[in-house]
PDB file of N, CA and C in Angstrom:
ATOM      1  N   MET A   1      92.536  91.631 118.013  1.00  0.00           N
ATOM      2  CA  MET A   1      92.317  93.068 118.397  1.00  0.00           C
ATOM      3  C   MET A   1      92.468  94.205 117.241  1.00  0.00           C
ATOM      4  N   VAL A   2      91.298  94.989 117.245  1.00  0.00           N
ATOM      5  CA  VAL A   2      91.585  95.854 116.182  1.00  0.00           C
ATOM      6  C   VAL A   2      92.117  96.976 116.385  1.00  0.00           C
ATOM      7  N   GLU A   3      92.515  97.481 115.827  1.00  0.00           N
ATOM      8  CA  GLU A   3      93.055  98.908 115.780  1.00  0.00           C
ATOM      9  C   GLU A   3      93.514 100.144 114.811  1.00  0.00           C
ATOM     10  N   THR A   4      92.370 100.972 115.311  1.00  0.00           N
ATOM     11  CA  THR A   4      91.657 101.892 114.064  1.00  0.00           C
ATOM     12  C   THR A   4      92.123 103.052 114.042  1.00  0.00           C
ATOM     13  N   GLY A   5      93.277 103.700 112.796  1.00  0.00           N
ATOM     14  CA  GLY A   5      93.261 104.841 112.894  1.00  0.00           C
ATOM     15  C   GLY A   5      92.591 105.611 111.892  1.00  0.00           C
ATOM     16  N   VAL A   6      93.153 106.765 111.195  1.00  0.00           N
ATOM     17  CA  VAL A   6      92.372 108.040 110.617  1.00  0.00           C
ATOM     18  C   VAL A   6      92.385 107.693 108.856  1.00  0.00           C
ATOM     19  N   GLU A   7      93.611 106.812 108.784  1.00  0.00           N
ATOM     20  CA  GLU A   7      93.488 106.248 107.140  1.00  0.00           C
ATOM     21  C   GLU A   7      93.622 104.367 106.886  1.00  0.00           C
ATOM     22  N   MET A   8      93.858 103.883 108.321  1.00  0.00           N
ATOM     23  CA  MET A   8      94.073 102.294 108.133  1.00  0.00           C
ATOM     24  C   MET A   8      93.340 101.751 109.268  1.00  0.00           C
ATOM     25  N   THR A   9      92.534 100.757 109.329  1.00  0.00           N
ATOM     26  CA  THR A   9      92.777  99.583 110.116  1.00  0.00           C
ATOM     27  C   THR A   9      93.059  98.597 110.249  1.00  0.00           C
ATOM     28  N   GLN A  10      93.991  98.187 111.232  1.00  0.00           N
ATOM     29  CA  GLN A  10      94.306  96.360 111.587  1.00  0.00           C
ATOM     30  C   GLN A  10      93.914  95.658 112.269  1.00  0.00           C
ATOM     31  N   ILE A  11      94.000  94.771 112.267  1.00  0.00           N
ATOM     32  CA  ILE A  11      93.912  93.636 113.106  1.00  0.00           C
ATOM     33  C   ILE A  11      95.042  92.818 112.671  1.00  0.00           C
ATOM     34  N   HIS A  12      95.386  92.728 114.307  1.00  0.00           N
ATOM     35  CA  HIS A  12      96.070  92.466 115.349  1.00  0.00           C
ATOM     36  C   HIS A  12      95.501  90.730 115.280  1.00  0.00           C
ATOM     37  N   VAL A  13      96.331  89.693 115.010  1.00  0.00           N
ATOM     38  CA  VAL A  13      96.007  88.386 115.090  1.00  0.00           C
ATOM     39  C   VAL A  13      96.817  87.448 116.179  1.00  0.00           C
ATOM     40  N   ILE A  14      96.152  87.307 117.611  1.00  0.00           N
ATOM     41  CA  ILE A  14      96.824  86.761 118.365  1.00  0.00           C
ATOM     42  C   ILE A  14      96.088  85.175 119.038  1.00  0.00           C
ATOM     43  N   ASP A  15      97.180  84.425 118.876  1.00  0.00           N
ATOM     44  CA  ASP A  15      96.760  83.263 119.586  1.00  0.00           C
ATOM     45  C   ASP A  15      97.390  82.212 120.857  1.00  0.00           C
ATOM     46  N   HIS A  16      96.867  82.238 121.574  1.00  0.00           N
ATOM     47  CA  HIS A  16      97.199  82.186 122.749  1.00  0.00           C
ATOM     48  C   HIS A  16      98.892  82.891 123.611  1.00  0.00           C
ATOM     49  N   TRP A  17      98.331  84.199 123.197  1.00  0.00           N
ATOM     50  CA  TRP A  17      99.446  85.304 123.585  1.00  0.00           C
ATOM     51  C   TRP A  17     100.864  85.199 122.549  1.00  0.00           C
ATOM     52  N   PHE A  18     101.054  84.442 121.499  1.00  0.00           N
ATOM     53  CA  PHE A  18     101.552  84.406 120.348  1.00  0.00           C
ATOM     54  C   PHE A  18     101.214  85.366 118.747  1.00  0.00           C
ATOM     55  N   TRP A  19     101.593  86.341 119.006  1.00  0.00           N
ATOM     56  CA  TRP A  19     101.150  87.238 117.377  1.00  0.00           C
ATOM     57  C   TRP A  19     101.520  86.752 116.562  1.00  0.00           C
ATOM     58  N   LEU A  20     100.353  86.498 115.756  1.00  0.00           N
ATOM     59  CA  LEU A  20     100.461  86.112 113.986  1.00  0.00           C
ATOM     60  C   LEU A  20     100.838  86.929 113.175  1.00  0.00           C
ATOM     61  N   GLY A  21     100.565  88.269 113.512  1.00  0.00           N
ATOM     62  CA  GLY A  21     100.496  89.026 112.296  1.00  0.00           C
ATOM     63  C   GLY A  21      99.221  90.041 112.247  1.00  0.00           C
ATOM     64  N   SER A  22      99.529  91.225 111.494  1.00  0.00           N
ATOM     65  CA  SER A  22      97.998  91.740 111.296  1.00  0.00           C
ATOM     66  C   SER A  22      97.622  91.779 110.063  1.00  0.00           C
ATOM     67  N   VAL A  23      96.323  92.586 109.768  1.00  0.00           N
ATOM     68  CA  VAL A  23      96.187  92.330 108.348  1.00  0.00           C
ATOM     69  C   VAL A  23      95.114  93.500 108.285  1.00  0.00           C
ATOM     70  N   SER A  24      94.366  93.402 107.263  1.00  0.00           N
ATOM     71  CA  SER A  24      93.661  94.871 106.870  1.00  0.00           C
ATOM     72  C   SER A  24      91.954  94.203 106.882  1.00  0.00           C
ATOM     73  N   THR A  25      91.425  92.941 106.924  1.00  0.00           N
ATOM     74  CA  THR A  25      90.098  92.646 107.242  1.00  0.00           C
ATOM     75  C   THR A  25      89.868  90.989 108.000  1.00  0.00           C
ATOM     76  N   GLU A  26      88.856  91.356 108.452  1.00  0.00           N
ATOM     77  CA  GLU A  26      88.244  90.348 109.248  1.00  0.00           C
ATOM     78  C   GLU A  26      88.529  88.958 108.181  1.00  0.00           C
ATOM     79  N   ALA A  27      88.374  88.620 106.740  1.00  0.00           N
ATOM     80  CA  ALA A  27      88.167  87.674 106.477  1.00  0.00           C
ATOM     81  C   ALA A  27      89.939  87.330 105.976  1.00  0.00           C
ATOM     82  N   GLU A  28      91.073  88.356 106.478  1.00  0.00           N
ATOM     83  CA  GLU A  28      92.156  88.024 105.993  1.00  0.00           C
ATOM     84  C   GLU A  28      92.125  87.247 107.126  1.00  0.00           C
ATOM     85  N   ALA A  29      92.249  87.808 108.573  1.00  0.00           N
ATOM     86  CA  ALA A  29      92.538  87.494 109.830  1.00  0.00           C
ATOM     87  C   ALA A  29      92.381  85.665 110.024  1.00  0.00           C
ATOM     88  N   ARG A  30      91.022  85.416 109.283  1.00  0.00           N
ATOM     89  CA  ARG A  30      90.417  83.918 109.247  1.00  0.00           C
ATOM     90  C   ARG A  30      91.482  83.017 108.958  1.00  0.00           C
ATOM     91  N   GLN A  31      92.043  83.793 108.002  1.00  0.00           N
ATOM     92  CA  GLN A  31      93.158  82.860 106.857  1.00  0.00           C
ATOM     93  C   GLN A  31      94.444  82.941 107.589  1.00  0.00           C
ATOM     94  N   LEU A  32      94.692  83.866 108.772  1.00  0.00           N
ATOM     95  CA  LEU A  32      96.209  83.747 109.018  1.00  0.00           C
ATOM     96  C   LEU A  32      96.707  82.889 110.207  1.00  0.00           C
ATOM     97  N   GLN A  33      97.392  81.739 109.862  1.00  0.00           N
ATOM     98  CA  GLN A  33      97.822  80.657 110.841  1.00  0.00           C
ATOM     99  C   GLN A  33      98.986  80.450 110.699  1.00  0.00           C
ATOM    100  N   ARG A  34      99.503  80.002 111.541  1.00  0.00           N
ATOM    101  CA  ARG A  34     101.215  79.424 111.460  1.00  0.00           C
ATOM    102  C   ARG A  34     101.445  78.467 112.795  1.00  0.00           C
ATOM    103  N   ALA A  35     102.134  77.389 112.711  1.00  0.00           N
ATOM    104  CA  ALA A  35     102.985  76.846 113.596  1.00  0.00           C
ATOM    105  C   ALA A  35     103.171  77.687 114.760  1.00  0.00           C
ATOM    106  N   ARG A  36     102.415  76.934 116.540  1.00  0.00           N
ATOM    107  CA  ARG A  36     102.898  78.096 117.167  1.00  0.00           C
ATOM    108  C   ARG A  36     103.986  77.240 117.823  1.00  0.00           C
ATOM    109  N   GLN A  37     104.483  78.603 118.147  1.00  0.00           N
ATOM    110  CA  GLN A  37     106.191  78.423 118.933  1.00  0.00           C
ATOM    111  C   GLN A  37     106.293  77.939 120.287  1.00  0.00           C
ATOM    112  N   GLY A  38     105.477  78.021 121.201  1.00  0.00           N
ATOM    113  CA  GLY A  38     105.495  78.079 122.248  1.00  0.00           C
ATOM    114  C   GLY A  38     105.128  79.401 122.989  1.00  0.00           C
ATOM    115  N   PHE A  39     105.125  79.276 123.979  1.00  0.00           N
ATOM    116  CA  PHE A  39     104.310  80.336 125.132  1.00  0.00           C
ATOM    117  C   PHE A  39     105.644  81.923 124.540  1.00  0.00           C
ATOM    118  N   ASP A  40     105.442  83.021 124.229  1.00  0.00           N
ATOM    119  CA  ASP A  40     106.533  83.942 123.860  1.00  0.00           C
ATOM    120  C   ASP A  40     105.781  84.759 125.212  1.00  0.00           C
ATOM    121  N   HIS A  41     106.773  84.976 125.549  1.00  0.00           N
ATOM    122  CA  HIS A  41     107.092  86.055 127.292  1.00  0.00           C
ATOM    123  C   HIS A  41     107.173  87.494 126.683  1.00  0.00           C
ATOM    124  N   ASP A  42     107.916  87.887 126.175  1.00  0.00           N
ATOM    125  CA  ASP A  42     108.012  88.965 125.186  1.00  0.00           C
ATOM    126  C   ASP A  42     106.521  89.355 124.545  1.00  0.00           C
ATOM    127  N   GLY A  43     105.663  88.445 124.184  1.00  0.00           N
ATOM    128  CA  GLY A  43     104.802  89.264 123.416  1.00  0.00           C
ATOM    129  C   GLY A  43     103.869  89.295 124.406  1.00  0.00           C
ATOM    130  N   TYR A  44     103.836  88.374 125.137  1.00  0.00           N
ATOM    131  CA  TYR A  44     102.659  88.818 126.585  1.00  0.00           C
ATOM    132  C   TYR A  44     102.886  90.342 126.940  1.00  0.00           C
ATOM    133  N   LYS A  45     104.055  90.503 127.213  1.00  0.00           N
ATOM    134  CA  LYS A  45     104.427  91.581 128.282  1.00  0.00           C
ATOM    135  C   LYS A  45     103.970  92.716 126.949  1.00  0.00           C
ATOM    136  N   ILE A  46     104.300  92.607 125.802  1.00  0.00           N
ATOM    137  CA  ILE A  46     103.757  93.682 124.916  1.00  0.00           C
ATOM    138  C   ILE A  46     101.808  93.836 124.740  1.00  0.00           C
ATOM    139  N   LEU A  47     101.451  92.729 124.915  1.00  0.00           N
ATOM    140  CA  LEU A  47      99.880  92.713 124.534  1.00  0.00           C
ATOM    141  C   LEU A  47      99.084  92.887 125.902  1.00  0.00           C
ATOM    142  N   CYS A  48      99.528  92.507 127.030  1.00  0.00           N
ATOM    143  CA  CYS A  48      98.705  92.378 127.859  1.00  0.00           C
ATOM    144  C   CYS A  48      97.929  93.622 128.588  1.00  0.00           C
ATOM    145  N   ARG A  49      98.490  94.624 128.364  1.00  0.00           N
ATOM    146  CA  ARG A  49      97.533  96.009 128.779  1.00  0.00           C
ATOM    147  C   ARG A  49      97.064  96.183 127.783  1.00  0.00           C
ATOM    148  N   PRO A  50      97.531  96.248 126.259  1.00  0.00           N
ATOM    149  CA  PRO A  50      96.175  96.658 125.250  1.00  0.00           C
ATOM    150  C   PRO A  50      94.898  95.559 125.286  1.00  0.00           C
ATOM    151  N   LEU A  51      95.177  94.493 125.380  1.00  0.00           N
ATOM    152  CA  LEU A  51      94.341  93.361 125.580  1.00  0.00           C
ATOM    153  C   LEU A  51      93.132  93.346 126.718  1.00  0.00           C
ATOM    154  N   LEU A  52      94.486  93.959 127.860  1.00  0.00           N
ATOM    155  CA  LEU A  52      92.950  93.671 128.978  1.00  0.00           C
ATOM    156  C   LEU A  52      92.596  95.087 129.594  1.00  0.00           C
ATOM    157  N   SER A  53      92.592  96.185 128.400  1.00  0.00           N
ATOM    158  CA  SER A  53      92.255  97.371 128.953  1.00  0.00           C
ATOM    159  C   SER A  53      90.919  97.775 128.394  1.00  0.00           C
ATOM    160  N   GLY A  54      90.787  97.025 127.668  1.00  0.00           N
ATOM    161  CA  GLY A  54      89.164  97.353 127.350  1.00  0.00           C
ATOM    162  C   GLY A  54      89.191  98.590 125.887  1.00  0.00           C
ATOM    163  N   VAL A  55      90.848  99.013 125.746  1.00  0.00           N
ATOM    164  CA  VAL A  55      89.981 100.185 124.601  1.00  0.00           C
ATOM    165  C   VAL A  55      89.864  99.946 123.572  1.00  0.00           C
ATOM    166  N   PHE A  56      90.523  98.530 123.121  1.00  0.00           N
ATOM    167  CA  PHE A  56      90.544  98.280 121.336  1.00  0.00           C
ATOM    168  C   PHE A  56      89.465  97.014 121.820  1.00  0.00           C
ATOM    169  N   PRO A  57      89.022  96.995 120.558  1.00  0.00           N
ATOM    170  CA  PRO A  57      87.789  96.070 119.882  1.00  0.00           C
ATOM    171  C   PRO A  57      88.312  94.360 119.494  1.00  0.00           C
ATOM    172  N   LEU A  58      87.733  93.607 120.238  1.00  0.00           N
ATOM    173  CA  LEU A  58      88.000  91.881 120.447  1.00  0.00           C
ATOM    174  C   LEU A  58      87.572  91.557 119.300  1.00  0.00           C
ATOM    175  N   ILE A  59      87.844  90.531 118.193  1.00  0.00           N
ATOM    176  CA  ILE A  59      87.114  89.940 117.511  1.00  0.00           C
ATOM    177  C   ILE A  59      87.254  88.463 117.970  1.00  0.00           C
ATOM    178  N   GLU A  60      86.476  87.233 118.524  1.00  0.00           N
ATOM    179  CA  GLU A  60      86.872  86.258 118.331  1.00  0.00           C
ATOM    180  C   GLU A  60      86.938  85.697 117.076  1.00  0.00           C
ATOM    181  N   LEU A  61      88.154  84.669 116.671  1.00  0.00           N
ATOM    182  CA  LEU A  61      88.180  83.966 115.487  1.00  0.00           C
ATOM    183  C   LEU A  61      87.351  82.401 115.884  1.00  0.00           C
TER     184      LEU A  61
END
């Protein structure tokens, strides 16, 4: 999910509803990996609305 502000763009990397982190470029996003720790219920609740709203661009990695 790409979040753009006046002076900064952040790409939030999400894998199976698990937030891996935020980076500045798509190249960095492709490198960001962590071992999955199972389904994150809190992460799902936080991410559901912005992801499904269609307001933020999504980049499939």
